[in-house]
Amino acid sequence: MDDRETVMRFVHVSRRFGSKRNPVIALDDIELSVYRGETLGIVGESGSGKSTLARIAVGLDHASDGSVHFEGRVADPAELREHAQMVFQDPGSSLDPLRTVIDSVREPLDAAGTLSPADRGARVAEVVDQVGLGLLGERLPKQLSGGQKQRASIARALGPVPPVIVCDEAVTALDVCVRASVLNLLKDVQRESGTTMLFISHDMSIVRYMSDRVVVMYLGQVMEVVPAERLHEQAGHPYSHVLQSAIPMLQQGTVARSRIMVHGDRPSVTATGQGCRFASRCPLATERCRAEVPLLRRVDDEHWVACHYGPVDYDRTLAAALEVAAS
């Protein structure tokens, strides 16, 4: 129902861990398309399934059920590893401490073996310069700052010219100033190369800044898919409004937004088929919400909401039902 080209698609993807009798459900029947050249943001609190989805996307994990399609065909983890690269949260642990930046960037090119040695050297020099490391390419990770290590990780991901790059909390470990420079670098790289990016974070403001579309996840399920520019004013799921309210907005030295306070406990990660996952914390929930799993419903061409009564208008409906307290 969209004329854009789909580069990656998750088809009824579920991931379970532990015993068959009482499994931990990390992902529950995910249906999601990723379009070529876009940055798709994925946001949610800890335990929402973001990192599990990221690892499946790059072939570091496998789906318990369902499949991942790459460029129109079912792809196994080995094939996904050939076409997708990942930038991890902690660059210090993801870089070999005994390899220089240049050696780390060259490693995936050597493994692929698609370029001649001379072309590999030229490509390494190109991407090291592209991420702003230049002469630092001869240094070991211990000789780099946190931001420089993350730039090295980005260069390593860019080296093979992957169609898809997955950034999993890639700037969480960085301080604010370094974080801004790395985010702008990622945007520049995405714009210049046309690569597709999955940008995963728990920070709504960063995801909104980076993304074309945003996927809101909660306990392994997709709650909402919405264009990034409409996330702030036109979010349709109650949980999306809760996440939005957690972003501090200062105005003349005071917090300009009220924090939405929700009550109730999160359901067990082993529970399934018991209605909406957010029902135990949502003040708009009815018996239908607790008994029937809401499907993603199309609001318009680019906006989907998994709520029986959504899209919810925060100003008129949600604010009246929730206890709102100033942060």
C-alpha atoms as a PDB file:
ATOM      1  CA  MET A   1       0.000   0.000   0.000  1.00  0.00           C
ATOM      2  CA  ASP A   2       3.099   2.198  -0.398  1.00  0.00           C
ATOM      3  CA  ASP A   3       5.008   2.922  -3.605  1.00  0.00           C
ATOM      4  CA  ARG A   4       8.357   3.167  -1.820  1.00  0.00           C
ATOM      5  CA  GLU A   5      10.772   0.263  -2.223  1.00  0.00           C
ATOM      6  CA  THR A   6      10.925  -2.068   0.760  1.00  0.00           C
ATOM      7  CA  VAL A   7      14.484  -3.163   1.534  1.00  0.00           C
ATOM      8  CA  MET A   8      13.733  -5.172   4.681  1.00  0.00           C
ATOM      9  CA  ARG A   9      10.536  -6.619   6.055  1.00  0.00           C
ATOM     10  CA  PHE A  10       9.738  -8.428   9.286  1.00  0.00           C
ATOM     11  CA  VAL A  11       6.901 -10.899   8.714  1.00  0.00           C
ATOM     12  CA  HIS A  12       5.175 -12.199  11.870  1.00  0.00           C
ATOM     13  CA  VAL A  13       8.517 -12.221  13.681  1.00  0.00           C
ATOM     14  CA  SER A  14       8.497 -13.553  17.234  1.00  0.00           C
ATOM     15  CA  ARG A  15      11.418 -14.341  19.523  1.00  0.00           C
ATOM     16  CA  ARG A  16      11.188 -16.422  22.657  1.00  0.00           C
ATOM     17  CA  PHE A  17      13.866 -17.347  25.176  1.00  0.00           C
ATOM     18  CA  GLY A  18      13.930 -19.997  27.876  1.00  0.00           C
ATOM     19  CA  SER A  19      11.778 -23.082  28.237  1.00  0.00           C
ATOM     20  CA  LYS A  20       8.936 -23.992  25.917  1.00  0.00           C
ATOM     21  CA  ARG A  21       6.566 -24.270  28.865  1.00  0.00           C
ATOM     22  CA  ASN A  22       7.236 -20.788  30.261  1.00  0.00           C
ATOM     23  CA  PRO A  23       9.188 -18.772  27.665  1.00  0.00           C
ATOM     24  CA  VAL A  24      10.252 -15.146  27.928  1.00  0.00           C
ATOM     25  CA  ILE A  25       8.628 -13.347  24.997  1.00  0.00           C
ATOM     26  CA  ALA A  26      11.025 -10.725  23.631  1.00  0.00           C
ATOM     27  CA  LEU A  27       9.175 -10.130  20.348  1.00  0.00           C
ATOM     28  CA  ASP A  28       5.551 -10.999  19.666  1.00  0.00           C
ATOM     29  CA  ASP A  29       4.335 -11.187  16.047  1.00  0.00           C
ATOM     30  CA  ILE A  30       6.163  -8.157  14.633  1.00  0.00           C
ATOM     31  CA  GLU A  31       4.986  -6.933  11.209  1.00  0.00           C
ATOM     32  CA  LEU A  32       7.172  -4.111   9.920  1.00  0.00           C
ATOM     33  CA  SER A  33       8.523  -2.777   6.624  1.00  0.00           C
ATOM     34  CA  VAL A  34      11.719  -0.738   6.240  1.00  0.00           C
ATOM     35  CA  TYR A  35      11.966   1.425   3.140  1.00  0.00           C
ATOM     36  CA  ARG A  36      15.118   1.965   1.116  1.00  0.00           C
ATOM     37  CA  GLY A  37      16.999   5.114   2.066  1.00  0.00           C
ATOM     38  CA  GLU A  38      14.951   5.968   5.146  1.00  0.00           C
ATOM     39  CA  THR A  39      15.942   6.205   8.774  1.00  0.00           C
ATOM     40  CA  LEU A  40      13.449   4.183  10.786  1.00  0.00           C
ATOM     41  CA  GLY A  41      13.527   5.046  14.464  1.00  0.00           C
ATOM     42  CA  ILE A  42      12.581   2.403  17.015  1.00  0.00           C
ATOM     43  CA  VAL A  43      11.836   3.646  20.512  1.00  0.00           C
ATOM     44  CA  GLY A  44      10.638   2.120  23.763  1.00  0.00           C
ATOM     45  CA  GLU A  45      11.631   1.601  27.361  1.00  0.00           C
ATOM     46  CA  SER A  46      14.037  -1.119  28.497  1.00  0.00           C
ATOM     47  CA  GLY A  47      12.614  -4.570  27.806  1.00  0.00           C
ATOM     48  CA  SER A  48      10.525  -3.467  24.829  1.00  0.00           C
ATOM     49  CA  GLY A  49      12.398  -5.727  22.391  1.00  0.00           C
ATOM     50  CA  LYS A  50      14.390  -3.073  20.526  1.00  0.00           C
ATOM     51  CA  SER A  51      17.790  -4.749  20.824  1.00  0.00           C
ATOM     52  CA  THR A  52      16.383  -8.190  20.023  1.00  0.00           C
ATOM     53  CA  LEU A  53      14.878  -6.787  16.833  1.00  0.00           C
ATOM     54  CA  ALA A  54      18.229  -5.154  16.005  1.00  0.00           C
ATOM     55  CA  ARG A  55      20.158  -8.403  16.441  1.00  0.00           C
ATOM     56  CA  ILE A  56      17.693 -10.283  14.247  1.00  0.00           C
ATOM     57  CA  ALA A  57      17.944  -7.558  11.576  1.00  0.00           C
ATOM     58  CA  VAL A  58      21.720  -8.003  11.275  1.00  0.00           C
ATOM     59  CA  GLY A  59      21.706 -11.800  11.578  1.00  0.00           C
ATOM     60  CA  LEU A  60      23.196 -12.023  15.075  1.00  0.00           C
ATOM     61  CA  ASP A  61      20.039 -13.738  16.323  1.00  0.00           C
ATOM     62  CA  HIS A  62      17.189 -15.636  14.708  1.00  0.00           C
ATOM     63  CA  ALA A  63      13.423 -15.470  14.901  1.00  0.00           C
ATOM     64  CA  SER A  64      11.578 -18.213  16.782  1.00  0.00           C
ATOM     65  CA  ASP A  65       8.680 -17.728  14.374  1.00  0.00           C
ATOM     66  CA  GLY A  66       8.196 -15.697  11.222  1.00  0.00           C
ATOM     67  CA  SER A  67      10.840 -14.508   8.783  1.00  0.00           C
ATOM     68  CA  VAL A  68      12.930 -11.536   7.720  1.00  0.00           C
ATOM     69  CA  HIS A  69      12.768 -10.575   4.052  1.00  0.00           C
ATOM     70  CA  PHE A  70      15.622  -8.703   2.396  1.00  0.00           C
ATOM     71  CA  GLU A  71      14.959  -7.098  -0.992  1.00  0.00           C
ATOM     72  CA  GLY A  72      11.855  -9.210  -1.511  1.00  0.00           C
ATOM     73  CA  ARG A  73      13.128 -12.639  -0.515  1.00  0.00           C
ATOM     74  CA  VAL A  74      13.396 -14.569   2.719  1.00  0.00           C
ATOM     75  CA  ALA A  75      16.873 -14.131   4.185  1.00  0.00           C
ATOM     76  CA  ASP A  76      18.587 -16.364   6.730  1.00  0.00           C
ATOM     77  CA  PRO A  77      20.907 -14.910   9.408  1.00  0.00           C
ATOM     78  CA  ALA A  78      24.036 -15.580   7.327  1.00  0.00           C
ATOM     79  CA  GLU A  79      22.651 -13.568   4.407  1.00  0.00           C
ATOM     80  CA  LEU A  80      21.566 -10.750   6.689  1.00  0.00           C
ATOM     81  CA  ARG A  81      25.094 -10.550   8.092  1.00  0.00           C
ATOM     82  CA  GLU A  82      26.343  -9.934   4.549  1.00  0.00           C
ATOM     83  CA  HIS A  83      23.971  -7.020   3.926  1.00  0.00           C
ATOM     84  CA  ALA A  84      23.607  -5.297   7.295  1.00  0.00           C
ATOM     85  CA  GLN A  85      26.129  -3.780   9.678  1.00  0.00           C
ATOM     86  CA  MET A  86      25.662  -2.731  13.285  1.00  0.00           C
ATOM     87  CA  VAL A  87      26.924   0.134  15.435  1.00  0.00           C
ATOM     88  CA  PHE A  88      26.768  -0.959  19.079  1.00  0.00           C
ATOM     89  CA  GLN A  89      26.155   1.056  22.224  1.00  0.00           C
ATOM     90  CA  ASP A  90      29.613   0.529  23.731  1.00  0.00           C
ATOM     91  CA  PRO A  91      32.347   1.170  21.143  1.00  0.00           C
ATOM     92  CA  GLY A  92      35.020   0.189  23.654  1.00  0.00           C
ATOM     93  CA  SER A  93      33.810  -3.390  23.865  1.00  0.00           C
ATOM     94  CA  SER A  94      32.967  -3.679  20.167  1.00  0.00           C
ATOM     95  CA  LEU A  95      36.471  -2.744  18.929  1.00  0.00           C
ATOM     96  CA  ASP A  96      39.396  -5.165  19.112  1.00  0.00           C
ATOM     97  CA  PRO A  97      41.809  -3.602  21.666  1.00  0.00           C
ATOM     98  CA  LEU A  98      44.802  -5.035  19.777  1.00  0.00           C
ATOM     99  CA  ARG A  99      43.842  -3.630  16.367  1.00  0.00           C
ATOM    100  CA  THR A 100      44.309  -0.090  15.127  1.00  0.00           C
ATOM    101  CA  VAL A 101      41.337   1.795  13.722  1.00  0.00           C
ATOM    102  CA  ILE A 102      42.507   1.088  10.189  1.00  0.00           C
ATOM    103  CA  ASP A 103      42.842  -2.635  10.905  1.00  0.00           C
ATOM    104  CA  SER A 104      39.370  -2.786  12.461  1.00  0.00           C
ATOM    105  CA  VAL A 105      37.818  -0.976   9.507  1.00  0.00           C
ATOM    106  CA  ARG A 106      39.633  -3.222   7.054  1.00  0.00           C
ATOM    107  CA  GLU A 107      38.609  -6.479   8.777  1.00  0.00           C
ATOM    108  CA  PRO A 108      35.068  -6.799   7.283  1.00  0.00           C
ATOM    109  CA  LEU A 109      36.444  -5.880   3.845  1.00  0.00           C
ATOM    110  CA  ASP A 110      39.029  -8.654   4.115  1.00  0.00           C
ATOM    111  CA  ALA A 111      36.321 -11.088   5.192  1.00  0.00           C
ATOM    112  CA  ALA A 112      34.107 -10.160   2.233  1.00  0.00           C
ATOM    113  CA  GLY A 113      36.965 -10.480  -0.257  1.00  0.00           C
ATOM    114  CA  THR A 114      35.100  -8.578  -2.946  1.00  0.00           C
ATOM    115  CA  LEU A 115      37.748  -5.866  -3.406  1.00  0.00           C
ATOM    116  CA  SER A 116      41.395  -6.107  -4.384  1.00  0.00           C
ATOM    117  CA  PRO A 117      43.934  -5.325  -1.633  1.00  0.00           C
ATOM    118  CA  ALA A 118      44.603  -1.913  -3.184  1.00  0.00           C
ATOM    119  CA  ASP A 119      40.902  -1.091  -3.385  1.00  0.00           C
ATOM    120  CA  ARG A 120      40.425  -2.193   0.227  1.00  0.00           C
ATOM    121  CA  GLY A 121      43.153   0.179   1.342  1.00  0.00           C
ATOM    122  CA  ALA A 122      41.583   3.027  -0.597  1.00  0.00           C
ATOM    123  CA  ARG A 123      38.139   2.279   0.859  1.00  0.00           C
ATOM    124  CA  VAL A 124      39.508   2.184   4.410  1.00  0.00           C
ATOM    125  CA  ALA A 125      41.210   5.543   3.954  1.00  0.00           C
ATOM    126  CA  GLU A 126      38.014   6.974   2.499  1.00  0.00           C
ATOM    127  CA  VAL A 127      35.723   5.975   5.369  1.00  0.00           C
ATOM    128  CA  VAL A 128      38.241   6.824   8.103  1.00  0.00           C
ATOM    129  CA  ASP A 129      38.455  10.306   6.611  1.00  0.00           C
ATOM    130  CA  GLN A 130      34.666  10.443   6.170  1.00  0.00           C
ATOM    131  CA  VAL A 131      34.078   9.989   9.908  1.00  0.00           C
ATOM    132  CA  GLY A 132      36.652  12.634  10.765  1.00  0.00           C
ATOM    133  CA  LEU A 133      39.416  10.452  12.243  1.00  0.00           C
ATOM    134  CA  GLY A 134      42.097  11.113   9.636  1.00  0.00           C
ATOM    135  CA  LEU A 135      45.555  10.594  11.156  1.00  0.00           C
ATOM    136  CA  LEU A 136      44.018   8.862  14.192  1.00  0.00           C
ATOM    137  CA  GLY A 137      43.549   5.758  12.074  1.00  0.00           C
ATOM    138  CA  GLU A 138      46.870   4.352  13.280  1.00  0.00           C
ATOM    139  CA  ARG A 139      45.827   4.491  16.938  1.00  0.00           C
ATOM    140  CA  LEU A 140      44.553   1.684  19.156  1.00  0.00           C
ATOM    141  CA  PRO A 141      41.130   2.012  20.838  1.00  0.00           C
ATOM    142  CA  LYS A 142      42.725   2.783  24.227  1.00  0.00           C
ATOM    143  CA  GLN A 143      44.287   5.880  22.657  1.00  0.00           C
ATOM    144  CA  LEU A 144      40.906   7.282  21.562  1.00  0.00           C
ATOM    145  CA  SER A 145      38.174   9.168  23.366  1.00  0.00           C
ATOM    146  CA  GLY A 146      34.648   7.734  23.612  1.00  0.00           C
ATOM    147  CA  GLY A 147      33.421   9.797  20.673  1.00  0.00           C
ATOM    148  CA  GLN A 148      36.421   8.822  18.566  1.00  0.00           C
ATOM    149  CA  LYS A 149      35.825   5.145  19.331  1.00  0.00           C
ATOM    150  CA  GLN A 150      32.234   5.463  18.198  1.00  0.00           C
ATOM    151  CA  ARG A 151      33.377   7.162  15.000  1.00  0.00           C
ATOM    152  CA  ALA A 152      35.702   4.211  14.432  1.00  0.00           C
ATOM    153  CA  SER A 153      32.753   1.845  14.917  1.00  0.00           C
ATOM    154  CA  ILE A 154      30.752   3.819  12.380  1.00  0.00           C
ATOM    155  CA  ALA A 155      33.652   3.683   9.910  1.00  0.00           C
ATOM    156  CA  ARG A 156      33.856  -0.099  10.314  1.00  0.00           C
ATOM    157  CA  ALA A 157      30.114  -0.392   9.616  1.00  0.00           C
ATOM    158  CA  LEU A 158      30.412   1.838   6.539  1.00  0.00           C
ATOM    159  CA  GLY A 159      33.392   0.032   5.030  1.00  0.00           C
ATOM    160  CA  PRO A 160      31.530  -2.717   3.133  1.00  0.00           C
ATOM    161  CA  VAL A 161      28.943  -0.161   1.882  1.00  0.00           C
ATOM    162  CA  PRO A 162      26.043  -2.050   3.493  1.00  0.00           C
ATOM    163  CA  PRO A 163      22.477  -1.469   2.314  1.00  0.00           C
ATOM    164  CA  VAL A 164      21.363  -1.393   5.965  1.00  0.00           C
ATOM    165  CA  ILE A 165      23.035   0.008   9.083  1.00  0.00           C
ATOM    166  CA  VAL A 166      21.530  -0.688  12.507  1.00  0.00           C
ATOM    167  CA  CYS A 167      22.433   1.692  15.329  1.00  0.00           C
ATOM    168  CA  ASP A 168      21.510   0.146  18.680  1.00  0.00           C
ATOM    169  CA  GLU A 169      21.714   2.821  21.390  1.00  0.00           C
ATOM    170  CA  ALA A 170      24.770   4.074  19.503  1.00  0.00           C
ATOM    171  CA  VAL A 171      25.094   7.386  21.370  1.00  0.00           C
ATOM    172  CA  THR A 172      23.810   6.451  24.834  1.00  0.00           C
ATOM    173  CA  ALA A 173      27.296   6.071  26.326  1.00  0.00           C
ATOM    174  CA  LEU A 174      28.520   9.440  25.003  1.00  0.00           C
ATOM    175  CA  ASP A 175      28.386  12.820  26.699  1.00  0.00           C
ATOM    176  CA  VAL A 176      26.019  15.455  25.335  1.00  0.00           C
ATOM    177  CA  CYS A 177      28.453  17.394  23.130  1.00  0.00           C
ATOM    178  CA  VAL A 178      30.023  14.281  21.618  1.00  0.00           C
ATOM    179  CA  ARG A 179      26.563  12.764  21.167  1.00  0.00           C
ATOM    180  CA  ALA A 180      25.456  15.713  19.030  1.00  0.00           C
ATOM    181  CA  SER A 181      28.485  15.437  16.743  1.00  0.00           C
ATOM    182  CA  VAL A 182      28.012  11.680  16.266  1.00  0.00           C
ATOM    183  CA  LEU A 183      24.295  12.118  15.525  1.00  0.00           C
ATOM    184  CA  ASN A 184      25.065  14.752  12.897  1.00  0.00           C
ATOM    185  CA  LEU A 185      27.738  12.479  11.431  1.00  0.00           C
ATOM    186  CA  LEU A 186      25.204   9.659  11.100  1.00  0.00           C
ATOM    187  CA  LYS A 187      22.717  11.978   9.400  1.00  0.00           C
ATOM    188  CA  ASP A 188      25.389  13.175   6.963  1.00  0.00           C
ATOM    189  CA  VAL A 189      26.481   9.625   6.188  1.00  0.00           C
ATOM    190  CA  GLN A 190      22.894   8.499   5.618  1.00  0.00           C
ATOM    191  CA  ARG A 191      22.185  11.443   3.335  1.00  0.00           C
ATOM    192  CA  GLU A 192      25.384  11.053   1.292  1.00  0.00           C
ATOM    193  CA  SER A 193      25.344   7.268   0.925  1.00  0.00           C
ATOM    194  CA  GLY A 194      21.588   6.704   0.687  1.00  0.00           C
ATOM    195  CA  THR A 195      21.889   3.725   3.008  1.00  0.00           C
ATOM    196  CA  THR A 196      18.915   2.558   5.045  1.00  0.00           C
ATOM    197  CA  MET A 197      19.220   3.007   8.786  1.00  0.00           C
ATOM    198  CA  LEU A 198      17.466   1.505  11.775  1.00  0.00           C
ATOM    199  CA  PHE A 199      18.073   3.864  14.675  1.00  0.00           C
ATOM    200  CA  ILE A 200      17.194   2.301  18.009  1.00  0.00           C
ATOM    201  CA  SER A 201      16.992   4.199  21.268  1.00  0.00           C
ATOM    202  CA  HIS A 202      14.958   4.715  24.419  1.00  0.00           C
ATOM    203  CA  ASP A 203      15.263   8.496  23.956  1.00  0.00           C
ATOM    204  CA  MET A 204      12.243   9.910  22.119  1.00  0.00           C
ATOM    205  CA  SER A 205      13.837  13.288  21.364  1.00  0.00           C
ATOM    206  CA  ILE A 206      16.896  11.737  19.679  1.00  0.00           C
ATOM    207  CA  VAL A 207      14.793   9.283  17.675  1.00  0.00           C
ATOM    208  CA  ARG A 208      12.504  12.065  16.517  1.00  0.00           C
ATOM    209  CA  TYR A 209      15.522  14.129  15.406  1.00  0.00           C
ATOM    210  CA  MET A 210      17.135  11.280  13.498  1.00  0.00           C
ATOM    211  CA  SER A 211      14.194   9.505  11.886  1.00  0.00           C
ATOM    212  CA  ASP A 212      11.804   9.682   8.966  1.00  0.00           C
ATOM    213  CA  ARG A 213       9.349   7.326  10.674  1.00  0.00           C
ATOM    214  CA  VAL A 214       9.171   6.147  14.262  1.00  0.00           C
ATOM    215  CA  VAL A 215       8.104   2.754  15.613  1.00  0.00           C
ATOM    216  CA  VAL A 216       6.962   2.760  19.239  1.00  0.00           C
ATOM    217  CA  MET A 217       7.435  -0.629  20.959  1.00  0.00           C
ATOM    218  CA  TYR A 218       6.226  -1.933  24.307  1.00  0.00           C
ATOM    219  CA  LEU A 219       6.943  -5.400  25.706  1.00  0.00           C
ATOM    220  CA  GLY A 220       7.746  -6.942  22.344  1.00  0.00           C
ATOM    221  CA  GLN A 221       4.867  -5.463  20.375  1.00  0.00           C
ATOM    222  CA  VAL A 222       4.504  -2.513  18.004  1.00  0.00           C
ATOM    223  CA  MET A 223       2.180   0.081  19.521  1.00  0.00           C
ATOM    224  CA  GLU A 224       2.432   2.721  16.831  1.00  0.00           C
ATOM    225  CA  VAL A 225       4.144   3.620  13.538  1.00  0.00           C
ATOM    226  CA  VAL A 226       4.106   7.352  12.794  1.00  0.00           C
ATOM    227  CA  PRO A 227       6.051   9.900  10.710  1.00  0.00           C
ATOM    228  CA  ALA A 228       8.667  11.524  12.933  1.00  0.00           C
ATOM    229  CA  GLU A 229       7.464  15.064  12.304  1.00  0.00           C
ATOM    230  CA  ARG A 230       4.005  14.094  13.540  1.00  0.00           C
ATOM    231  CA  LEU A 231       5.117  12.209  16.637  1.00  0.00           C
ATOM    232  CA  HIS A 232       4.992  15.199  18.976  1.00  0.00           C
ATOM    233  CA  GLU A 233       1.585  16.621  18.050  1.00  0.00           C
ATOM    234  CA  GLN A 234      -0.255  13.680  16.494  1.00  0.00           C
ATOM    235  CA  ALA A 235       0.837  10.561  18.360  1.00  0.00           C
ATOM    236  CA  GLY A 236      -2.147   8.241  18.610  1.00  0.00           C
ATOM    237  CA  HIS A 237      -1.334   5.594  21.231  1.00  0.00           C
ATOM    238  CA  PRO A 238      -1.586   6.328  24.971  1.00  0.00           C
ATOM    239  CA  TYR A 239       1.849   4.803  25.512  1.00  0.00           C
ATOM    240  CA  SER A 240       3.365   7.140  22.905  1.00  0.00           C
ATOM    241  CA  HIS A 241       1.982  10.090  24.854  1.00  0.00           C
ATOM    242  CA  VAL A 242       3.497   8.724  28.058  1.00  0.00           C
ATOM    243  CA  LEU A 243       6.937   8.490  26.421  1.00  0.00           C
ATOM    244  CA  GLN A 244       6.550  11.961  24.919  1.00  0.00           C
ATOM    245  CA  SER A 245       5.759  13.456  28.319  1.00  0.00           C
ATOM    246  CA  ALA A 246       9.016  12.070  29.717  1.00  0.00           C
ATOM    247  CA  ILE A 247      11.053  14.426  27.490  1.00  0.00           C
ATOM    248  CA  PRO A 248      11.988  17.485  29.575  1.00  0.00           C
ATOM    249  CA  MET A 249      11.248  20.775  27.809  1.00  0.00           C
ATOM    250  CA  LEU A 250      12.645  23.867  29.510  1.00  0.00           C
ATOM    251  CA  GLN A 251      11.045  27.245  29.054  1.00  0.00           C
ATOM    252  CA  GLN A 252      12.478  30.277  30.867  1.00  0.00           C
ATOM    253  CA  GLY A 253      14.103  28.085  33.474  1.00  0.00           C
ATOM    254  CA  THR A 254      11.053  25.954  34.252  1.00  0.00           C
ATOM    255  CA  VAL A 255       9.756  22.663  32.950  1.00  0.00           C
ATOM    256  CA  ALA A 256       7.172  23.537  30.293  1.00  0.00           C
ATOM    257  CA  ARG A 257       5.547  20.123  30.093  1.00  0.00           C
ATOM    258  CA  SER A 258       3.686  18.046  32.640  1.00  0.00           C
ATOM    259  CA  ARG A 259       4.803  14.485  33.186  1.00  0.00           C
ATOM    260  CA  ILE A 260       2.134  11.855  32.632  1.00  0.00           C
ATOM    261  CA  MET A 261       2.191   9.514  35.608  1.00  0.00           C
ATOM    262  CA  VAL A 262       0.900   6.003  34.969  1.00  0.00           C
ATOM    263  CA  HIS A 263       0.033   3.418  37.587  1.00  0.00           C
ATOM    264  CA  GLY A 264      -0.213  -0.344  37.594  1.00  0.00           C
ATOM    265  CA  ASP A 265       2.319  -3.078  36.966  1.00  0.00           C
ATOM    266  CA  ARG A 266       3.810  -4.229  33.704  1.00  0.00           C
ATOM    267  CA  PRO A 267       2.471  -7.630  32.664  1.00  0.00           C
ATOM    268  CA  SER A 268       4.730 -10.645  32.855  1.00  0.00           C
ATOM    269  CA  VAL A 269       7.156 -11.078  29.960  1.00  0.00           C
ATOM    270  CA  THR A 270       5.943 -14.665  29.770  1.00  0.00           C
ATOM    271  CA  ALA A 271       2.290 -13.673  29.207  1.00  0.00           C
ATOM    272  CA  THR A 272       0.760 -13.722  25.745  1.00  0.00           C
ATOM    273  CA  GLY A 273      -2.691 -13.564  24.210  1.00  0.00           C
ATOM    274  CA  GLN A 274      -4.080 -11.610  27.169  1.00  0.00           C
ATOM    275  CA  GLY A 275      -5.204  -8.411  25.539  1.00  0.00           C
ATOM    276  CA  CYS A 276      -3.261  -5.203  25.061  1.00  0.00           C
ATOM    277  CA  ARG A 277       0.133  -5.308  26.760  1.00  0.00           C
ATOM    278  CA  PHE A 278      -0.336  -1.724  27.982  1.00  0.00           C
ATOM    279  CA  ALA A 279      -3.812  -2.308  29.430  1.00  0.00           C
ATOM    280  CA  SER A 280      -2.593  -2.782  33.011  1.00  0.00           C
ATOM    281  CA  ARG A 281      -1.111   0.738  32.994  1.00  0.00           C
ATOM    282  CA  CYS A 282      -3.513   2.561  30.682  1.00  0.00           C
ATOM    283  CA  PRO A 283      -6.358   4.492  32.370  1.00  0.00           C
ATOM    284  CA  LEU A 284      -8.399   4.331  29.162  1.00  0.00           C
ATOM    285  CA  ALA A 285      -8.386   0.520  29.186  1.00  0.00           C
ATOM    286  CA  THR A 286     -11.695  -1.333  29.093  1.00  0.00           C
ATOM    287  CA  GLU A 287     -12.586  -5.001  29.405  1.00  0.00           C
ATOM    288  CA  ARG A 288     -12.103  -5.306  25.652  1.00  0.00           C
ATOM    289  CA  CYS A 289      -8.524  -4.044  26.021  1.00  0.00           C
ATOM    290  CA  ARG A 290      -7.793  -6.620  28.691  1.00  0.00           C
ATOM    291  CA  ALA A 291      -9.322  -9.479  26.707  1.00  0.00           C
ATOM    292  CA  GLU A 292      -8.561  -8.734  23.043  1.00  0.00           C
ATOM    293  CA  VAL A 293      -5.173  -7.957  21.488  1.00  0.00           C
ATOM    294  CA  PRO A 294      -5.504  -4.765  19.380  1.00  0.00           C
ATOM    295  CA  LEU A 295      -4.185  -5.017  15.840  1.00  0.00           C
ATOM    296  CA  LEU A 296      -2.300  -2.249  14.086  1.00  0.00           C
ATOM    297  CA  ARG A 297      -4.998  -0.125  12.456  1.00  0.00           C
ATOM    298  CA  ARG A 298      -4.291   2.245   9.614  1.00  0.00           C
ATOM    299  CA  VAL A 299      -4.975   5.894  10.487  1.00  0.00           C
ATOM    300  CA  ASP A 300      -3.684   7.129   7.128  1.00  0.00           C
ATOM    301  CA  ASP A 301      -1.003   6.187   4.595  1.00  0.00           C
ATOM    302  CA  GLU A 302       1.898   6.480   7.059  1.00  0.00           C
ATOM    303  CA  HIS A 303       0.275   6.274  10.480  1.00  0.00           C
ATOM    304  CA  TRP A 304      -0.723   3.034  12.230  1.00  0.00           C
ATOM    305  CA  VAL A 305      -1.920   2.579  15.808  1.00  0.00           C
ATOM    306  CA  ALA A 306      -2.474  -0.625  17.819  1.00  0.00           C
ATOM    307  CA  CYS A 307      -5.298   0.632  20.031  1.00  0.00           C
ATOM    308  CA  HIS A 308      -8.970  -0.348  20.044  1.00  0.00           C
ATOM    309  CA  TYR A 309      -9.927   3.284  20.571  1.00  0.00           C
ATOM    310  CA  GLY A 310      -7.014   5.111  18.936  1.00  0.00           C
ATOM    311  CA  PRO A 311      -5.783   7.372  17.720  1.00  0.00           C
ATOM    312  CA  VAL A 312      -6.137   8.993  21.122  1.00  0.00           C
ATOM    313  CA  ASP A 313      -6.279  12.789  21.251  1.00  0.00           C
ATOM    314  CA  TYR A 314      -4.080  13.652  24.208  1.00  0.00           C
ATOM    315  CA  ASP A 315      -5.482  17.128  24.877  1.00  0.00           C
ATOM    316  CA  ARG A 316      -9.126  16.086  24.847  1.00  0.00           C
ATOM    317  CA  THR A 317      -9.097  12.527  26.127  1.00  0.00           C
ATOM    318  CA  LEU A 318      -5.901  11.262  27.643  1.00  0.00           C
ATOM    319  CA  ALA A 319      -5.058  14.276  29.793  1.00  0.00           C
ATOM    320  CA  ALA A 320      -8.488  14.136  31.366  1.00  0.00           C
ATOM    321  CA  ALA A 321      -8.104  10.493  32.291  1.00  0.00           C
ATOM    322  CA  LEU A 322      -4.496  10.389  33.461  1.00  0.00           C
ATOM    323  CA  GLU A 323      -3.118  11.819  36.659  1.00  0.00           C
ATOM    324  CA  VAL A 324      -0.820  14.589  35.489  1.00  0.00           C
ATOM    325  CA  ALA A 325       1.886  15.868  37.766  1.00  0.00           C
ATOM    326  CA  ALA A 326       4.575  18.445  37.130  1.00  0.00           C
ATOM    327  CA  SER A 327       8.039  16.943  36.734  1.00  0.00           C
END
